[in-house]
Each structure stands twice: as C-alpha cells, then as structure tokens.
Amino acid sequence: MGTQRKRYSAELKARVALEAIKEQKTVNEIAGQYGVHPNLVGKWKKQLKEQSSRIFTEPNRDRDAVEETLKASLYQQIGQLKVELDWLKKKSGLGE
C-alpha cells in the first residue's frame, strides 16, 4: 500500500508564499517553521508572484457579468410591461 500525499490548504500556501516574498527568513527557515519541503516554498512563491495580478482583474469580470445579467433582466421586464400597457390601452380604447 502506497503512502498518501500531504495536501496543504490554500491559506497555508498563501501564508508561506507571503512569508517567502518578504525575504526576512531563508527558504529553509520558512520550510522548517511550516513543516513543508523547501521546494514547495519556492513553488508557491513563484505561483503567488505570477498569479497575483488576477486578484485585481477577476472580480471586475464577475461584477461585469452580474451587471450584464441584471441589465438583460430589466430590459426584458420593461419590454413585457410595454407590451402589457399597449394591450391594456387597446382594450380600453385609450390607444386610438
């Protein structure tokens, strides 16, 4: 039976990567402090540096998508209400 790999939480990875970016301790000191392999510290640091710009760009895309969905829904409601109003005007004789 093989050994199971350790799985580290995203919070731990972020904490370790931030610690490594600060460069106040060596990679080996950080690895010993958190109980991870030094190679993982370097890998997580690199990932954080490469993907940090997404933090500021992705939420805008999500917000834009929500706004577009809301706009589409509101335009649909406006159109439906306009059709109903026209129908009521026609039935009541006011639209002539």
N, C-alpha and C. Protein backbone atom coordinates (compact mmCIF):
# COMPACT_ATOMS: atom_id res chain seq x y z
N MET A 1 0.84 -1.17 0.00
CA MET A 1 0.00 0.00 0.00
C MET A 1 0.88 1.24 0.00
N GLY A 2 0.62 2.18 -0.89
CA GLY A 2 1.44 3.38 -1.02
C GLY A 2 1.10 4.43 0.02
N THR A 3 2.01 5.34 0.17
CA THR A 3 1.75 6.43 1.12
C THR A 3 0.93 7.52 0.44
N GLN A 4 0.14 8.18 1.23
CA GLN A 4 -0.71 9.23 0.69
C GLN A 4 0.02 10.57 0.75
N ARG A 5 -0.15 11.38 -0.30
CA ARG A 5 0.50 12.69 -0.34
C ARG A 5 -0.19 13.64 0.62
N LYS A 6 0.60 14.56 1.15
CA LYS A 6 0.03 15.58 2.01
C LYS A 6 -0.68 16.62 1.14
N ARG A 7 -1.76 17.13 1.65
CA ARG A 7 -2.50 18.19 0.97
C ARG A 7 -2.47 19.41 1.87
N TYR A 8 -2.10 20.53 1.28
CA TYR A 8 -1.98 21.76 2.04
C TYR A 8 -3.11 22.70 1.64
N SER A 9 -3.65 23.40 2.63
CA SER A 9 -4.75 24.32 2.37
C SER A 9 -4.25 25.55 1.62
N ALA A 10 -5.16 26.21 0.95
CA ALA A 10 -4.82 27.43 0.22
C ALA A 10 -4.33 28.51 1.17
N GLU A 11 -4.90 28.55 2.38
CA GLU A 11 -4.48 29.55 3.37
C GLU A 11 -3.03 29.35 3.78
N LEU A 12 -2.64 28.09 3.99
CA LEU A 12 -1.26 27.79 4.37
C LEU A 12 -0.31 28.15 3.23
N LYS A 13 -0.69 27.79 2.01
CA LYS A 13 0.15 28.10 0.86
C LYS A 13 0.35 29.61 0.73
N ALA A 14 -0.73 30.36 0.90
CA ALA A 14 -0.64 31.83 0.80
C ALA A 14 0.24 32.39 1.91
N ARG A 15 0.08 31.89 3.12
CA ARG A 15 0.88 32.36 4.24
C ARG A 15 2.37 32.10 4.01
N VAL A 16 2.67 30.89 3.55
CA VAL A 16 4.06 30.52 3.29
C VAL A 16 4.63 31.36 2.15
N ALA A 17 3.87 31.54 1.09
CA ALA A 17 4.33 32.32 -0.06
C ALA A 17 4.57 33.78 0.32
N LEU A 18 3.68 34.35 1.10
CA LEU A 18 3.87 35.74 1.55
C LEU A 18 5.11 35.88 2.42
N GLU A 19 5.30 34.90 3.27
CA GLU A 19 6.49 34.89 4.13
C GLU A 19 7.76 34.84 3.27
N ALA A 20 7.71 34.03 2.22
CA ALA A 20 8.88 33.90 1.33
C ALA A 20 9.11 35.19 0.55
N ILE A 21 8.06 35.86 0.13
CA ILE A 21 8.19 37.10 -0.63
C ILE A 21 8.80 38.21 0.23
N LYS A 22 8.47 38.21 1.52
CA LYS A 22 9.03 39.21 2.43
C LYS A 22 10.56 39.11 2.52
N GLU A 23 11.07 37.90 2.33
CA GLU A 23 12.51 37.61 2.37
C GLU A 23 13.17 38.04 3.68
N GLN A 24 12.44 37.89 4.78
CA GLN A 24 13.01 38.17 6.09
C GLN A 24 13.64 36.92 6.68
N LYS A 25 13.29 35.76 6.15
CA LYS A 25 13.85 34.47 6.58
C LYS A 25 14.28 33.71 5.34
N THR A 26 15.15 32.75 5.52
CA THR A 26 15.57 31.92 4.39
C THR A 26 14.45 30.93 4.07
N VAL A 27 14.54 30.38 2.88
CA VAL A 27 13.55 29.39 2.45
C VAL A 27 13.56 28.19 3.39
N ASN A 28 14.75 27.77 3.81
CA ASN A 28 14.84 26.63 4.73
C ASN A 28 14.22 26.94 6.08
N GLU A 29 14.37 28.16 6.58
CA GLU A 29 13.74 28.54 7.85
C GLU A 29 12.22 28.51 7.73
N ILE A 30 11.72 29.03 6.63
CA ILE A 30 10.27 29.04 6.41
C ILE A 30 9.75 27.62 6.28
N ALA A 31 10.45 26.80 5.53
CA ALA A 31 10.03 25.41 5.35
C ALA A 31 10.01 24.68 6.68
N GLY A 32 11.01 24.89 7.51
CA GLY A 32 11.05 24.25 8.83
C GLY A 32 9.93 24.76 9.73
N GLN A 33 9.65 26.03 9.67
CA GLN A 33 8.61 26.63 10.51
C GLN A 33 7.23 26.06 10.19
N TYR A 34 6.95 25.87 8.90
CA TYR A 34 5.63 25.39 8.49
C TYR A 34 5.58 23.89 8.21
N GLY A 35 6.72 23.22 8.27
CA GLY A 35 6.74 21.77 8.06
C GLY A 35 6.49 21.35 6.62
N VAL A 36 7.02 22.13 5.68
CA VAL A 36 6.89 21.78 4.26
C VAL A 36 8.28 21.68 3.65
N HIS A 37 8.35 21.12 2.47
CA HIS A 37 9.63 20.99 1.78
C HIS A 37 10.04 22.34 1.20
N PRO A 38 11.34 22.67 1.24
CA PRO A 38 11.80 23.95 0.69
C PRO A 38 11.42 24.17 -0.77
N ASN A 39 11.35 23.10 -1.57
CA ASN A 39 10.95 23.24 -2.97
C ASN A 39 9.52 23.77 -3.09
N LEU A 40 8.66 23.34 -2.16
CA LEU A 40 7.28 23.82 -2.19
C LEU A 40 7.21 25.31 -1.87
N VAL A 41 8.07 25.76 -0.96
CA VAL A 41 8.09 27.18 -0.62
C VAL A 41 8.41 28.00 -1.88
N GLY A 42 9.43 27.58 -2.61
CA GLY A 42 9.79 28.28 -3.85
C GLY A 42 8.70 28.21 -4.89
N LYS A 43 8.07 27.07 -5.01
CA LYS A 43 6.99 26.88 -5.99
C LYS A 43 5.81 27.80 -5.67
N TRP A 44 5.40 27.84 -4.40
CA TRP A 44 4.26 28.66 -4.00
C TRP A 44 4.58 30.15 -4.14
N LYS A 45 5.82 30.52 -3.85
CA LYS A 45 6.24 31.92 -4.01
C LYS A 45 6.13 32.33 -5.47
N LYS A 46 6.60 31.45 -6.35
CA LYS A 46 6.55 31.73 -7.79
C LYS A 46 5.09 31.84 -8.26
N GLN A 47 4.24 30.94 -7.81
CA GLN A 47 2.82 30.97 -8.19
C GLN A 47 2.16 32.26 -7.72
N LEU A 48 2.48 32.68 -6.52
CA LEU A 48 1.89 33.91 -6.00
C LEU A 48 2.32 35.11 -6.82
N LYS A 49 3.58 35.17 -7.18
CA LYS A 49 4.07 36.29 -7.99
C LYS A 49 3.41 36.30 -9.37
N GLU A 50 3.27 35.13 -9.98
CA GLU A 50 2.72 35.05 -11.33
C GLU A 50 1.22 35.32 -11.37
N GLN A 51 0.51 34.91 -10.33
CA GLN A 51 -0.95 34.98 -10.36
C GLN A 51 -1.53 36.11 -9.52
N SER A 52 -0.69 36.93 -8.94
CA SER A 52 -1.20 37.98 -8.06
C SER A 52 -2.00 39.04 -8.82
N SER A 53 -1.71 39.25 -10.10
CA SER A 53 -2.46 40.26 -10.85
C SER A 53 -3.92 39.85 -11.05
N ARG A 54 -4.22 38.57 -10.99
CA ARG A 54 -5.60 38.10 -11.15
C ARG A 54 -6.50 38.58 -10.01
N ILE A 55 -5.90 38.82 -8.87
CA ILE A 55 -6.69 39.27 -7.72
C ILE A 55 -7.42 40.55 -8.05
N PHE A 56 -6.79 41.40 -8.85
CA PHE A 56 -7.36 42.70 -9.14
C PHE A 56 -8.17 42.72 -10.43
N THR A 57 -8.06 41.69 -11.26
CA THR A 57 -8.78 41.70 -12.52
C THR A 57 -10.02 40.81 -12.52
N GLU A 58 -9.98 39.65 -11.93
CA GLU A 58 -11.10 38.72 -12.00
C GLU A 58 -12.37 39.22 -11.32
N PRO A 59 -12.29 39.84 -10.15
CA PRO A 59 -13.55 40.29 -9.56
C PRO A 59 -14.30 41.28 -10.45
N ASN A 60 -13.59 42.07 -11.22
CA ASN A 60 -14.25 43.01 -12.13
C ASN A 60 -15.03 42.27 -13.19
N ARG A 61 -14.48 41.18 -13.68
CA ARG A 61 -15.18 40.39 -14.69
C ARG A 61 -16.46 39.80 -14.10
N ASP A 62 -16.38 39.30 -12.86
CA ASP A 62 -17.55 38.73 -12.22
C ASP A 62 -18.62 39.80 -12.02
N ARG A 63 -18.19 40.98 -11.59
CA ARG A 63 -19.14 42.07 -11.36
C ARG A 63 -19.76 42.51 -12.68
N ASP A 64 -18.97 42.57 -13.74
CA ASP A 64 -19.49 42.94 -15.06
C ASP A 64 -20.52 41.93 -15.55
N ALA A 65 -20.25 40.66 -15.33
CA ALA A 65 -21.18 39.62 -15.76
C ALA A 65 -22.50 39.73 -15.00
N VAL A 66 -22.43 40.00 -13.71
CA VAL A 66 -23.64 40.16 -12.90
C VAL A 66 -24.42 41.38 -13.38
N GLU A 67 -23.72 42.48 -13.66
CA GLU A 67 -24.39 43.68 -14.13
C GLU A 67 -25.07 43.45 -15.48
N GLU A 68 -24.41 42.74 -16.39
CA GLU A 68 -24.99 42.45 -17.69
C GLU A 68 -26.24 41.59 -17.55
N THR A 69 -26.20 40.61 -16.67
CA THR A 69 -27.36 39.75 -16.43
C THR A 69 -28.52 40.57 -15.87
N LEU A 70 -28.21 41.46 -14.93
CA LEU A 70 -29.24 42.30 -14.35
C LEU A 70 -29.85 43.23 -15.40
N LYS A 71 -29.00 43.84 -16.24
CA LYS A 71 -29.49 44.72 -17.30
C LYS A 71 -30.42 43.96 -18.24
N ALA A 72 -30.01 42.77 -18.64
CA ALA A 72 -30.82 41.98 -19.57
C ALA A 72 -32.18 41.67 -18.95
N SER A 73 -32.18 41.32 -17.68
CA SER A 73 -33.42 41.01 -16.99
C SER A 73 -34.32 42.25 -16.92
N LEU A 74 -33.73 43.39 -16.60
CA LEU A 74 -34.52 44.63 -16.51
C LEU A 74 -35.09 45.04 -17.86
N TYR A 75 -34.29 44.92 -18.92
CA TYR A 75 -34.80 45.25 -20.26
C TYR A 75 -35.93 44.31 -20.66
N GLN A 76 -35.82 43.06 -20.27
CA GLN A 76 -36.89 42.10 -20.58
C GLN A 76 -38.18 42.50 -19.85
N GLN A 77 -38.05 42.89 -18.58
CA GLN A 77 -39.23 43.32 -17.82
C GLN A 77 -39.85 44.58 -18.42
N ILE A 78 -39.00 45.52 -18.84
CA ILE A 78 -39.50 46.75 -19.46
C ILE A 78 -40.28 46.42 -20.73
N GLY A 79 -39.73 45.55 -21.55
CA GLY A 79 -40.40 45.15 -22.79
C GLY A 79 -41.74 44.48 -22.52
N GLN A 80 -41.77 43.61 -21.52
CA GLN A 80 -43.00 42.91 -21.18
C GLN A 80 -44.05 43.89 -20.67
N LEU A 81 -43.64 44.82 -19.83
CA LEU A 81 -44.58 45.82 -19.31
C LEU A 81 -45.10 46.72 -20.41
N LYS A 82 -44.26 47.06 -21.38
CA LYS A 82 -44.69 47.89 -22.50
C LYS A 82 -45.74 47.17 -23.33
N VAL A 83 -45.51 45.89 -23.59
CA VAL A 83 -46.48 45.10 -24.35
C VAL A 83 -47.81 45.04 -23.59
N GLU A 84 -47.75 44.81 -22.28
CA GLU A 84 -48.97 44.74 -21.48
C GLU A 84 -49.70 46.09 -21.47
N LEU A 85 -48.95 47.18 -21.37
CA LEU A 85 -49.55 48.52 -21.37
C LEU A 85 -50.23 48.79 -22.71
N ASP A 86 -49.55 48.46 -23.80
CA ASP A 86 -50.16 48.66 -25.12
C ASP A 86 -51.43 47.84 -25.26
N TRP A 87 -51.42 46.61 -24.77
CA TRP A 87 -52.59 45.75 -24.85
C TRP A 87 -53.74 46.33 -24.05
N LEU A 88 -53.43 46.83 -22.83
CA LEU A 88 -54.48 47.43 -21.99
C LEU A 88 -55.06 48.69 -22.62
N LYS A 89 -54.18 49.51 -23.22
CA LYS A 89 -54.66 50.72 -23.90
C LYS A 89 -55.60 50.36 -25.04
N LYS A 90 -55.22 49.34 -25.79
CA LYS A 90 -56.03 48.91 -26.93
C LYS A 90 -57.39 48.39 -26.47
N LYS A 91 -57.40 47.59 -25.40
CA LYS A 91 -58.65 47.01 -24.89
C LYS A 91 -59.56 48.08 -24.28
N SER A 92 -58.96 49.09 -23.66
CA SER A 92 -59.78 50.12 -23.01
C SER A 92 -60.20 51.21 -23.96
N GLY A 93 -59.62 51.26 -25.14
CA GLY A 93 -59.98 52.25 -26.13
C GLY A 93 -59.17 53.53 -25.99
N LEU A 94 -58.15 53.57 -25.14
CA LEU A 94 -57.33 54.77 -24.96
C LEU A 94 -56.22 54.87 -26.00
N GLY A 95 -55.87 53.81 -26.62
CA GLY A 95 -54.76 53.82 -27.55
C GLY A 95 -55.11 54.28 -28.95
N GLU A 96 -56.32 54.71 -29.16
CA GLU A 96 -56.76 55.10 -30.51
C GLU A 96 -56.43 56.50 -30.85
